[in-house]
Amino acid sequence: MIISTFFDIAINIGAIGLVAIMVWSLWSLTKAPLNAVQRLWWVLAIFILPGIGSIAWWWWIKRYYPRRHAEDPTWDPATKASNQQVMGRPRPSRGRYSNPRD
């Protein structure tokens, strides 16, 4: 009897912990810099795979996103692209701005 009571308590504590992690994941997801479709995929991952989805979300928001944003501050996770304009090679001069004395 004592062993089954111990397991019941352990399972209940684990379930409460899992629900707490899921609630935190969903709450932090509302403040994330993602578009609606990406949020929907994360919500599905958190509900379908409660423990793994929440851990994956924690990894993405705490580890991946800050590192990626530090590498390229203009990176936008909603578009998965950098907002920085790429500078190409200069266009050939047409002589408009040349020195008139030449």
C-alpha atoms as a PDB file:
ATOM      1  CA  MET A   1       0.000   0.000   0.000  1.00  0.00           C
ATOM      2  CA  ILE A   2       2.742   2.484   0.838  1.00  0.00           C
ATOM      3  CA  ILE A   3       4.535   1.812  -2.437  1.00  0.00           C
ATOM      4  CA  SER A   4       1.424   2.432  -4.534  1.00  0.00           C
ATOM      5  CA  THR A   5       0.723   5.631  -2.589  1.00  0.00           C
ATOM      6  CA  PHE A   6       4.292   6.801  -3.225  1.00  0.00           C
ATOM      7  CA  PHE A   7       3.921   6.125  -6.964  1.00  0.00           C
ATOM      8  CA  ASP A   8       0.583   7.916  -7.048  1.00  0.00           C
ATOM      9  CA  ILE A   9       2.131  10.970  -5.418  1.00  0.00           C
ATOM     10  CA  ALA A  10       5.140  10.869  -7.767  1.00  0.00           C
ATOM     11  CA  ILE A  11       2.894  10.588 -10.841  1.00  0.00           C
ATOM     12  CA  ASN A  12       0.720  13.472  -9.628  1.00  0.00           C
ATOM     13  CA  ILE A  13       3.757  15.682  -8.967  1.00  0.00           C
ATOM     14  CA  GLY A  14       5.143  14.802 -12.411  1.00  0.00           C
ATOM     15  CA  ALA A  15       1.810  15.616 -14.069  1.00  0.00           C
ATOM     16  CA  ILE A  16       1.576  18.949 -12.250  1.00  0.00           C
ATOM     17  CA  GLY A  17       5.152  19.755 -13.285  1.00  0.00           C
ATOM     18  CA  LEU A  18       4.391  18.869 -16.891  1.00  0.00           C
ATOM     19  CA  VAL A  19       1.305  21.085 -16.912  1.00  0.00           C
ATOM     20  CA  ALA A  20       3.334  23.929 -15.366  1.00  0.00           C
ATOM     21  CA  ILE A  21       5.993  23.597 -18.091  1.00  0.00           C
ATOM     22  CA  MET A  22       3.308  23.560 -20.785  1.00  0.00           C
ATOM     23  CA  VAL A  23       1.638  26.676 -19.334  1.00  0.00           C
ATOM     24  CA  TRP A  24       5.008  28.481 -19.221  1.00  0.00           C
ATOM     25  CA  SER A  25       5.721  27.432 -22.817  1.00  0.00           C
ATOM     26  CA  LEU A  26       2.376  28.706 -24.069  1.00  0.00           C
ATOM     27  CA  TRP A  27       2.705  31.940 -22.085  1.00  0.00           C
ATOM     28  CA  SER A  28       6.194  32.667 -23.409  1.00  0.00           C
ATOM     29  CA  LEU A  29       5.033  31.736 -26.918  1.00  0.00           C
ATOM     30  CA  THR A  30       2.588  34.658 -26.876  1.00  0.00           C
ATOM     31  CA  LYS A  31       5.518  37.098 -26.521  1.00  0.00           C
ATOM     32  CA  ALA A  32       7.754  35.444 -29.111  1.00  0.00           C
ATOM     33  CA  PRO A  33       8.726  37.237 -32.343  1.00  0.00           C
ATOM     34  CA  LEU A  34       6.916  34.752 -34.589  1.00  0.00           C
ATOM     35  CA  ASN A  35       4.075  35.022 -37.048  1.00  0.00           C
ATOM     36  CA  ALA A  36       0.713  33.289 -36.489  1.00  0.00           C
ATOM     37  CA  VAL A  37       1.491  30.170 -38.533  1.00  0.00           C
ATOM     38  CA  GLN A  38       4.763  29.542 -36.718  1.00  0.00           C
ATOM     39  CA  ARG A  39       3.023  30.001 -33.364  1.00  0.00           C
ATOM     40  CA  LEU A  40       0.371  27.494 -34.399  1.00  0.00           C
ATOM     41  CA  TRP A  41       3.057  24.897 -35.182  1.00  0.00           C
ATOM     42  CA  TRP A  42       4.688  25.458 -31.811  1.00  0.00           C
ATOM     43  CA  VAL A  43       1.331  25.177 -30.010  1.00  0.00           C
ATOM     44  CA  LEU A  44       0.654  21.888 -31.788  1.00  0.00           C
ATOM     45  CA  ALA A  45       4.109  20.610 -30.856  1.00  0.00           C
ATOM     46  CA  ILE A  46       3.579  21.569 -27.213  1.00  0.00           C
ATOM     47  CA  PHE A  47       0.166  19.874 -27.032  1.00  0.00           C
ATOM     48  CA  ILE A  48       0.956  16.749 -29.080  1.00  0.00           C
ATOM     49  CA  LEU A  49       4.353  16.149 -27.447  1.00  0.00           C
ATOM     50  CA  PRO A  50       3.922  17.836 -24.051  1.00  0.00           C
ATOM     51  CA  GLY A  51       7.365  17.266 -22.554  1.00  0.00           C
ATOM     52  CA  ILE A  52       9.415  17.217 -25.756  1.00  0.00           C
ATOM     53  CA  GLY A  53       7.556  20.162 -27.319  1.00  0.00           C
ATOM     54  CA  SER A  54       8.045  22.302 -24.216  1.00  0.00           C
ATOM     55  CA  ILE A  55      11.742  21.415 -23.989  1.00  0.00           C
ATOM     56  CA  ALA A  56      12.194  22.151 -27.703  1.00  0.00           C
ATOM     57  CA  TRP A  57      10.488  25.530 -27.234  1.00  0.00           C
ATOM     58  CA  TRP A  58      12.723  26.311 -24.246  1.00  0.00           C
ATOM     59  CA  TRP A  59      15.804  25.427 -26.322  1.00  0.00           C
ATOM     60  CA  TRP A  60      14.642  27.578 -29.242  1.00  0.00           C
ATOM     61  CA  ILE A  61      13.801  30.683 -27.200  1.00  0.00           C
ATOM     62  CA  LYS A  62      16.710  30.480 -24.720  1.00  0.00           C
ATOM     63  CA  ARG A  63      19.539  29.074 -26.842  1.00  0.00           C
ATOM     64  CA  TYR A  64      18.923  29.214 -30.603  1.00  0.00           C
ATOM     65  CA  TYR A  65      17.162  32.563 -30.998  1.00  0.00           C
ATOM     66  CA  PRO A  66      19.646  34.653 -28.924  1.00  0.00           C
ATOM     67  CA  ARG A  67      22.654  33.111 -30.684  1.00  0.00           C
ATOM     68  CA  ARG A  68      21.157  33.632 -34.116  1.00  0.00           C
ATOM     69  CA  HIS A  69      20.123  37.176 -33.253  1.00  0.00           C
ATOM     70  CA  ALA A  70      23.631  37.934 -31.924  1.00  0.00           C
ATOM     71  CA  GLU A  71      25.190  36.731 -35.189  1.00  0.00           C
ATOM     72  CA  ASP A  72      22.851  38.844 -37.321  1.00  0.00           C
ATOM     73  CA  PRO A  73      20.905  41.543 -35.416  1.00  0.00           C
ATOM     74  CA  THR A  74      18.606  42.120 -38.382  1.00  0.00           C
ATOM     75  CA  TRP A  75      17.514  38.446 -38.558  1.00  0.00           C
ATOM     76  CA  ASP A  76      13.742  38.060 -38.308  1.00  0.00           C
ATOM     77  CA  PRO A  77      12.457  34.620 -37.268  1.00  0.00           C
ATOM     78  CA  ALA A  78       9.028  35.338 -38.756  1.00  0.00           C
ATOM     79  CA  THR A  79      10.491  35.549 -42.252  1.00  0.00           C
ATOM     80  CA  LYS A  80      13.578  33.392 -41.577  1.00  0.00           C
ATOM     81  CA  ALA A  81      15.646  36.004 -43.351  1.00  0.00           C
ATOM     82  CA  SER A  82      17.871  38.918 -42.603  1.00  0.00           C
ATOM     83  CA  ASN A  83      16.479  42.402 -43.063  1.00  0.00           C
ATOM     84  CA  GLN A  84      19.928  43.733 -43.825  1.00  0.00           C
ATOM     85  CA  GLN A  85      20.268  45.029 -47.343  1.00  0.00           C
ATOM     86  CA  VAL A  86      22.972  43.319 -49.298  1.00  0.00           C
ATOM     87  CA  MET A  87      25.368  45.721 -50.883  1.00  0.00           C
ATOM     88  CA  GLY A  88      26.264  44.758 -54.403  1.00  0.00           C
ATOM     89  CA  ARG A  89      29.133  45.980 -56.455  1.00  0.00           C
ATOM     90  CA  PRO A  90      28.920  49.616 -57.524  1.00  0.00           C
ATOM     91  CA  ARG A  91      27.432  50.452 -60.866  1.00  0.00           C
ATOM     92  CA  PRO A  92      29.771  51.687 -63.566  1.00  0.00           C
ATOM     93  CA  SER A  93      30.055  55.433 -63.686  1.00  0.00           C
ATOM     94  CA  ARG A  94      28.343  57.361 -66.465  1.00  0.00           C
ATOM     95  CA  GLY A  95      30.592  60.381 -66.070  1.00  0.00           C
ATOM     96  CA  ARG A  96      27.983  62.607 -64.449  1.00  0.00           C
ATOM     97  CA  TYR A  97      29.981  63.362 -61.374  1.00  0.00           C
ATOM     98  CA  SER A  98      33.401  63.618 -62.879  1.00  0.00           C
ATOM     99  CA  ASN A  99      35.515  66.681 -62.347  1.00  0.00           C
ATOM    100  CA  PRO A 100      34.651  69.297 -65.031  1.00  0.00           C
ATOM    101  CA  ARG A 101      38.272  70.328 -65.305  1.00  0.00           C
ATOM    102  CA  ASP A 102      39.267  66.917 -66.650  1.00  0.00           C
END
